[in-house]
């Protein structure tokens, strides 16, 4: 029953993606400001497909949904989307997917609704695992960006300080020597050393 319903649900992913995109845009304008619409559509579609496949898969199967959740977490951190909005998107996607699954089973196999109800806990546990994975990757991405930013600032400060030291050294060298023309091609230069003047 679950495999059949999951296959039907996968066919509805484009429509579910459109619905979720619209819901997120209404919830907060930051989604469209942070994430290009085409990119967002593609990533939501992929995340939904991986989530549906994970729900219907065996426990021993590789969890592509979690790996993709981590990838999205890092990407959203780079794009500056607030973490609470990212988690809202995941849970909203879970709600839409669950509602669509209920509709499919109700339409095609209403006698299987009790079985589906018993799987609800597993499905929502999977969604929370995705949310946890994306949140952890998001925070790690933020820390990495902060570290790189600190390194760039420190490198800039070091370069500025080094430039200041070099300019001060050159000014000191110029002030140390004084040259005067003594007519023709003869010049007289003197250098201050410790309060005394030496001539060359």
C-alpha atoms as a PDB file:
ATOM      1  CA  UNK A   1       0.000   0.000   0.000  1.00  0.00           C
ATOM      2  CA  UNK A   2       2.725   2.495   0.966  1.00  0.00           C
ATOM      3  CA  UNK A   3       4.793   1.776  -2.132  1.00  0.00           C
ATOM      4  CA  UNK A   4       1.825   2.307  -4.421  1.00  0.00           C
ATOM      5  CA  UNK A   5       0.809   5.500  -2.642  1.00  0.00           C
ATOM      6  CA  UNK A   6       4.389   6.763  -2.738  1.00  0.00           C
ATOM      7  CA  UNK A   7       4.544   6.227  -6.506  1.00  0.00           C
ATOM      8  CA  UNK A   8       1.366   8.254  -6.963  1.00  0.00           C
ATOM      9  CA  UNK A   9       2.706  10.900  -4.589  1.00  0.00           C
ATOM     10  CA  UNK A  10       5.924  11.235  -6.579  1.00  0.00           C
ATOM     11  CA  UNK A  11       3.837  12.105  -9.626  1.00  0.00           C
ATOM     12  CA  UNK A  12       2.289  14.957  -7.663  1.00  0.00           C
ATOM     13  CA  UNK A  13       5.619  16.474  -6.607  1.00  0.00           C
ATOM     14  CA  UNK A  14       5.539  19.289  -9.230  1.00  0.00           C
ATOM     15  CA  UNK A  15       2.080  20.409  -8.040  1.00  0.00           C
ATOM     16  CA  UNK A  16       3.126  20.120  -4.388  1.00  0.00           C
ATOM     17  CA  UNK A  17       6.248  22.138  -5.144  1.00  0.00           C
ATOM     18  CA  UNK A  18       4.180  24.920  -6.698  1.00  0.00           C
ATOM     19  CA  UNK A  19       1.878  24.938  -3.695  1.00  0.00           C
ATOM     20  CA  UNK A  20       4.738  25.064  -1.232  1.00  0.00           C
ATOM     21  CA  UNK A  21       6.505  27.864  -3.125  1.00  0.00           C
ATOM     22  CA  UNK A  22       3.315  29.904  -2.966  1.00  0.00           C
ATOM     23  CA  UNK A  23       2.785  29.165   0.731  1.00  0.00           C
ATOM     24  CA  UNK A  24       6.340  30.171   1.603  1.00  0.00           C
ATOM     25  CA  UNK A  25       6.113  33.419  -0.368  1.00  0.00           C
ATOM     26  CA  UNK A  26       2.952  34.319   1.542  1.00  0.00           C
ATOM     27  CA  UNK A  27       4.534  33.384   4.858  1.00  0.00           C
ATOM     28  CA  UNK A  28       7.614  35.594   4.396  1.00  0.00           C
ATOM     29  CA  UNK A  29       9.041  37.714   1.550  1.00  0.00           C
ATOM     30  CA  UNK A  30      12.525  36.684   2.695  1.00  0.00           C
ATOM     31  CA  UNK A  31      12.237  33.406   0.823  1.00  0.00           C
ATOM     32  CA  UNK A  32      12.162  35.154  -2.549  1.00  0.00           C
ATOM     33  CA  UNK A  33      14.742  37.721  -1.447  1.00  0.00           C
ATOM     34  CA  UNK A  34      17.256  35.115  -0.322  1.00  0.00           C
ATOM     35  CA  UNK A  35      16.684  32.300  -2.824  1.00  0.00           C
ATOM     36  CA  UNK A  36      16.169  32.692  -6.594  1.00  0.00           C
ATOM     37  CA  UNK A  37      12.752  31.279  -7.492  1.00  0.00           C
ATOM     38  CA  UNK A  38      14.038  28.798 -10.100  1.00  0.00           C
ATOM     39  CA  UNK A  39      16.659  27.461  -7.727  1.00  0.00           C
ATOM     40  CA  UNK A  40      14.135  27.247  -4.904  1.00  0.00           C
ATOM     41  CA  UNK A  41      11.658  25.336  -7.050  1.00  0.00           C
ATOM     42  CA  UNK A  42      14.260  22.788  -8.119  1.00  0.00           C
ATOM     43  CA  UNK A  43      15.574  22.259  -4.602  1.00  0.00           C
ATOM     44  CA  UNK A  44      12.116  21.881  -3.066  1.00  0.00           C
ATOM     45  CA  UNK A  45      11.219  19.359  -5.744  1.00  0.00           C
ATOM     46  CA  UNK A  46      14.375  17.345  -5.074  1.00  0.00           C
ATOM     47  CA  UNK A  47      13.907  17.474  -1.297  1.00  0.00           C
ATOM     48  CA  UNK A  48      10.304  16.291  -1.598  1.00  0.00           C
ATOM     49  CA  UNK A  49      11.285  13.397  -3.854  1.00  0.00           C
ATOM     50  CA  UNK A  50      14.012  12.277  -1.481  1.00  0.00           C
ATOM     51  CA  UNK A  51      11.649  12.579   1.476  1.00  0.00           C
ATOM     52  CA  UNK A  52       8.911  10.510  -0.176  1.00  0.00           C
ATOM     53  CA  UNK A  53      11.409   7.859  -1.263  1.00  0.00           C
ATOM     54  CA  UNK A  54      12.816   7.683   2.278  1.00  0.00           C
ATOM     55  CA  UNK A  55       9.322   7.236   3.712  1.00  0.00           C
ATOM     56  CA  UNK A  56       8.637   4.238   1.490  1.00  0.00           C
ATOM     57  CA  UNK A  57      12.172   2.767   1.668  1.00  0.00           C
ATOM     58  CA  UNK A  58      13.510   0.051   3.893  1.00  0.00           C
ATOM     59  CA  UNK A  59      15.300   1.123   7.051  1.00  0.00           C
ATOM     60  CA  UNK A  60      18.590  -0.244   5.733  1.00  0.00           C
ATOM     61  CA  UNK A  61      18.490   1.956   2.616  1.00  0.00           C
ATOM     62  CA  UNK A  62      20.755   4.972   2.260  1.00  0.00           C
ATOM     63  CA  UNK A  63      19.073   8.159   3.532  1.00  0.00           C
ATOM     64  CA  UNK A  64      19.508  10.503   0.573  1.00  0.00           C
ATOM     65  CA  UNK A  65      16.982  12.842   2.185  1.00  0.00           C
ATOM     66  CA  UNK A  66      19.323  13.541   5.101  1.00  0.00           C
ATOM     67  CA  UNK A  67      22.347  14.146   2.889  1.00  0.00           C
ATOM     68  CA  UNK A  68      20.292  16.563   0.787  1.00  0.00           C
ATOM     69  CA  UNK A  69      18.975  18.284   3.912  1.00  0.00           C
ATOM     70  CA  UNK A  70      22.575  18.941   4.962  1.00  0.00           C
ATOM     71  CA  UNK A  71      23.405  20.319   1.530  1.00  0.00           C
ATOM     72  CA  UNK A  72      20.421  22.672   1.662  1.00  0.00           C
ATOM     73  CA  UNK A  73      21.308  23.766   5.185  1.00  0.00           C
ATOM     74  CA  UNK A  74      24.758  24.896   4.082  1.00  0.00           C
ATOM     75  CA  UNK A  75      23.354  26.577   0.976  1.00  0.00           C
ATOM     76  CA  UNK A  76      20.715  28.520   2.890  1.00  0.00           C
ATOM     77  CA  UNK A  77      23.311  29.703   5.391  1.00  0.00           C
ATOM     78  CA  UNK A  78      25.355  31.089   2.486  1.00  0.00           C
ATOM     79  CA  UNK A  79      22.258  32.786   1.077  1.00  0.00           C
ATOM     80  CA  UNK A  80      21.377  34.355   4.422  1.00  0.00           C
ATOM     81  CA  UNK A  81      17.916  32.837   4.845  1.00  0.00           C
ATOM     82  CA  UNK A  82      17.080  32.781   8.584  1.00  0.00           C
ATOM     83  CA  UNK A  83      17.207  29.316  10.096  1.00  0.00           C
ATOM     84  CA  UNK A  84      13.681  29.521  11.508  1.00  0.00           C
ATOM     85  CA  UNK A  85      12.328  30.056   7.978  1.00  0.00           C
ATOM     86  CA  UNK A  86      14.297  27.105   6.648  1.00  0.00           C
ATOM     87  CA  UNK A  87      12.842  24.866   9.361  1.00  0.00           C
ATOM     88  CA  UNK A  88       9.370  26.241   8.674  1.00  0.00           C
ATOM     89  CA  UNK A  89       9.782  25.284   5.011  1.00  0.00           C
ATOM     90  CA  UNK A  90      10.732  21.727   5.903  1.00  0.00           C
ATOM     91  CA  UNK A  91       7.815  21.242   8.247  1.00  0.00           C
ATOM     92  CA  UNK A  92       5.370  22.894   5.883  1.00  0.00           C
ATOM     93  CA  UNK A  93       6.570  20.562   3.135  1.00  0.00           C
ATOM     94  CA  UNK A  94       5.991  17.646   5.481  1.00  0.00           C
ATOM     95  CA  UNK A  95       2.433  18.781   6.160  1.00  0.00           C
ATOM     96  CA  UNK A  96       1.619  19.133   2.456  1.00  0.00           C
ATOM     97  CA  UNK A  97       3.127  15.733   1.706  1.00  0.00           C
ATOM     98  CA  UNK A  98       1.189  14.061   4.511  1.00  0.00           C
ATOM     99  CA  UNK A  99      -2.085  15.650   3.444  1.00  0.00           C
ATOM    100  CA  UNK A 100      -1.518  14.535  -0.162  1.00  0.00           C
ATOM    101  CA  UNK A 101      -0.724  11.012   1.017  1.00  0.00           C
ATOM    102  CA  UNK A 102      -3.939  10.914   3.027  1.00  0.00           C
ATOM    103  CA  UNK A 103      -5.889  12.033  -0.030  1.00  0.00           C
ATOM    104  CA  UNK A 104      -4.340   9.330  -2.189  1.00  0.00           C
ATOM    105  CA  UNK A 105      -5.053   6.526   0.278  1.00  0.00           C
ATOM    106  CA  UNK A 106      -8.564   7.820   0.937  1.00  0.00           C
ATOM    107  CA  UNK A 107      -9.318   7.873  -2.785  1.00  0.00           C
ATOM    108  CA  UNK A 108      -7.657   4.600  -3.792  1.00  0.00           C
ATOM    109  CA  UNK A 109      -7.549   2.382  -0.705  1.00  0.00           C
ATOM    110  CA  UNK A 110      -9.781   3.746   2.070  1.00  0.00           C
ATOM    111  CA  UNK A 111      -9.567   0.448   3.943  1.00  0.00           C
ATOM    112  CA  UNK A 112      -5.832   1.066   4.359  1.00  0.00           C
ATOM    113  CA  UNK A 113      -6.285   4.287   6.344  1.00  0.00           C
ATOM    114  CA  UNK A 114      -5.750   2.544   9.712  1.00  0.00           C
ATOM    115  CA  UNK A 115      -2.435   1.198   8.401  1.00  0.00           C
ATOM    116  CA  UNK A 116      -1.441   4.651   7.198  1.00  0.00           C
ATOM    117  CA  UNK A 117      -2.327   6.141  10.570  1.00  0.00           C
ATOM    118  CA  UNK A 118       0.113   3.760  12.230  1.00  0.00           C
ATOM    119  CA  UNK A 119       2.895   4.976   9.938  1.00  0.00           C
ATOM    120  CA  UNK A 120       2.280   8.649  10.684  1.00  0.00           C
ATOM    121  CA  UNK A 121       4.719   8.617  13.590  1.00  0.00           C
ATOM    122  CA  UNK A 122       7.497   7.209  11.418  1.00  0.00           C
ATOM    123  CA  UNK A 123       6.858   9.767   8.701  1.00  0.00           C
ATOM    124  CA  UNK A 124       6.936  12.736  11.042  1.00  0.00           C
ATOM    125  CA  UNK A 125      10.012  11.350  12.775  1.00  0.00           C
ATOM    126  CA  UNK A 126      11.695  11.311   9.361  1.00  0.00           C
ATOM    127  CA  UNK A 127      10.717  14.926   8.748  1.00  0.00           C
ATOM    128  CA  UNK A 128      12.138  15.973  12.104  1.00  0.00           C
ATOM    129  CA  UNK A 129      15.358  14.122  11.286  1.00  0.00           C
ATOM    130  CA  UNK A 130      15.584  16.112   8.059  1.00  0.00           C
ATOM    131  CA  UNK A 131      14.980  19.351   9.956  1.00  0.00           C
ATOM    132  CA  UNK A 132      17.660  18.454  12.503  1.00  0.00           C
ATOM    133  CA  UNK A 133      20.155  17.579   9.762  1.00  0.00           C
ATOM    134  CA  UNK A 134      19.561  20.808   7.865  1.00  0.00           C
ATOM    135  CA  UNK A 135      19.770  22.888  11.070  1.00  0.00           C
ATOM    136  CA  UNK A 136      23.076  21.304  12.084  1.00  0.00           C
ATOM    137  CA  UNK A 137      24.560  21.880   8.631  1.00  0.00           C
ATOM    138  CA  UNK A 138      23.229  25.459   8.617  1.00  0.00           C
ATOM    139  CA  UNK A 139      24.927  26.264  11.940  1.00  0.00           C
ATOM    140  CA  UNK A 140      28.155  24.635  10.794  1.00  0.00           C
ATOM    141  CA  UNK A 141      28.008  26.697   7.609  1.00  0.00           C
ATOM    142  CA  UNK A 142      27.497  29.878   9.594  1.00  0.00           C
ATOM    143  CA  UNK A 143      30.520  29.116  11.777  1.00  0.00           C
ATOM    144  CA  UNK A 144      32.672  28.409   8.736  1.00  0.00           C
ATOM    145  CA  UNK A 145      31.636  31.661   7.045  1.00  0.00           C
ATOM    146  CA  UNK A 146      32.343  33.576  10.266  1.00  0.00           C
ATOM    147  CA  UNK A 147      35.779  31.964  10.528  1.00  0.00           C
ATOM    148  CA  UNK A 148      36.620  32.852   6.922  1.00  0.00           C
ATOM    149  CA  UNK A 149      35.387  36.402   7.466  1.00  0.00           C
ATOM    150  CA  UNK A 150      37.534  36.767  10.592  1.00  0.00           C
ATOM    151  CA  UNK A 151      40.552  35.463   8.679  1.00  0.00           C
ATOM    152  CA  UNK A 152      39.983  37.961   5.858  1.00  0.00           C
ATOM    153  CA  UNK A 153      39.646  40.840   8.332  1.00  0.00           C
ATOM    154  CA  UNK A 154      42.813  39.777  10.141  1.00  0.00           C
ATOM    155  CA  UNK A 155      44.714  39.470   6.861  1.00  0.00           C
ATOM    156  CA  UNK A 156      43.553  42.969   5.872  1.00  0.00           C
ATOM    157  CA  UNK A 157      44.616  44.407   9.222  1.00  0.00           C
ATOM    158  CA  UNK A 158      47.996  42.704   8.961  1.00  0.00           C
ATOM    159  CA  UNK A 159      48.488  44.145   5.479  1.00  0.00           C
ATOM    160  CA  UNK A 160      47.519  47.633   6.644  1.00  0.00           C
ATOM    161  CA  UNK A 161      49.862  47.437   9.627  1.00  0.00           C
ATOM    162  CA  UNK A 162      52.699  46.169   7.460  1.00  0.00           C
ATOM    163  CA  UNK A 163      52.125  49.016   5.004  1.00  0.00           C
ATOM    164  CA  UNK A 164      52.097  51.532   7.849  1.00  0.00           C
ATOM    165  CA  UNK A 165      55.379  50.175   9.227  1.00  0.00           C
ATOM    166  CA  UNK A 166      57.024  50.341   5.807  1.00  0.00           C
ATOM    167  CA  UNK A 167      55.870  53.918   5.207  1.00  0.00           C
ATOM    168  CA  UNK A 168      57.095  54.962   8.663  1.00  0.00           C
ATOM    169  CA  UNK A 169      60.472  53.333   7.985  1.00  0.00           C
ATOM    170  CA  UNK A 170      60.825  55.143   4.641  1.00  0.00           C
ATOM    171  CA  UNK A 171      59.871  58.481   6.215  1.00  0.00           C
ATOM    172  CA  UNK A 172      62.438  57.870   8.919  1.00  0.00           C
ATOM    173  CA  UNK A 173      65.092  57.165   6.336  1.00  0.00           C
ATOM    174  CA  UNK A 174      64.253  60.374   4.446  1.00  0.00           C
ATOM    175  CA  UNK A 175      64.310  62.461   7.613  1.00  0.00           C
ATOM    176  CA  UNK A 176      67.618  60.944   8.672  1.00  0.00           C
ATOM    177  CA  UNK A 177      69.489  62.303   5.653  1.00  0.00           C
ATOM    178  CA  UNK A 178      69.670  65.950   4.563  1.00  0.00           C
ATOM    179  CA  UNK A 179      71.400  66.859   1.289  1.00  0.00           C
ATOM    180  CA  UNK A 180      72.379  70.358   0.085  1.00  0.00           C
ATOM    181  CA  UNK A 181      73.944  71.498  -3.173  1.00  0.00           C
ATOM    182  CA  UNK A 182      77.395  72.986  -2.808  1.00  0.00           C
ATOM    183  CA  UNK A 183      77.518  74.227  -6.386  1.00  0.00           C
ATOM    184  CA  UNK A 184      77.936  72.409  -9.635  1.00  0.00           C
ATOM    185  CA  UNK A 185      77.704  68.706  -9.174  1.00  0.00           C
ATOM    186  CA  UNK A 186      78.870  68.720  -5.591  1.00  0.00           C
ATOM    187  CA  UNK A 187      76.396  67.808  -2.859  1.00  0.00           C
ATOM    188  CA  UNK A 188      76.813  67.712   0.872  1.00  0.00           C
ATOM    189  CA  UNK A 189      74.690  65.193   2.777  1.00  0.00           C
ATOM    190  CA  UNK A 190      74.432  64.831   6.505  1.00  0.00           C
ATOM    191  CA  UNK A 191      72.702  62.207   8.639  1.00  0.00           C
ATOM    192  CA  UNK A 192      71.359  62.483  12.167  1.00  0.00           C
ATOM    193  CA  UNK A 193      72.551  59.649  14.405  1.00  0.00           C
ATOM    194  CA  UNK A 194      71.562  59.753  18.001  1.00  0.00           C
ATOM    195  CA  UNK A 195      71.471  63.517  18.267  1.00  0.00           C
ATOM    196  CA  UNK A 196      74.736  64.128  16.303  1.00  0.00           C
ATOM    197  CA  UNK A 197      75.165  64.874  12.645  1.00  0.00           C
ATOM    198  CA  UNK A 198      77.623  63.054  10.421  1.00  0.00           C
ATOM    199  CA  UNK A 199      78.484  64.412   6.964  1.00  0.00           C
ATOM    200  CA  UNK A 200      79.154  62.493   3.784  1.00  0.00           C
END
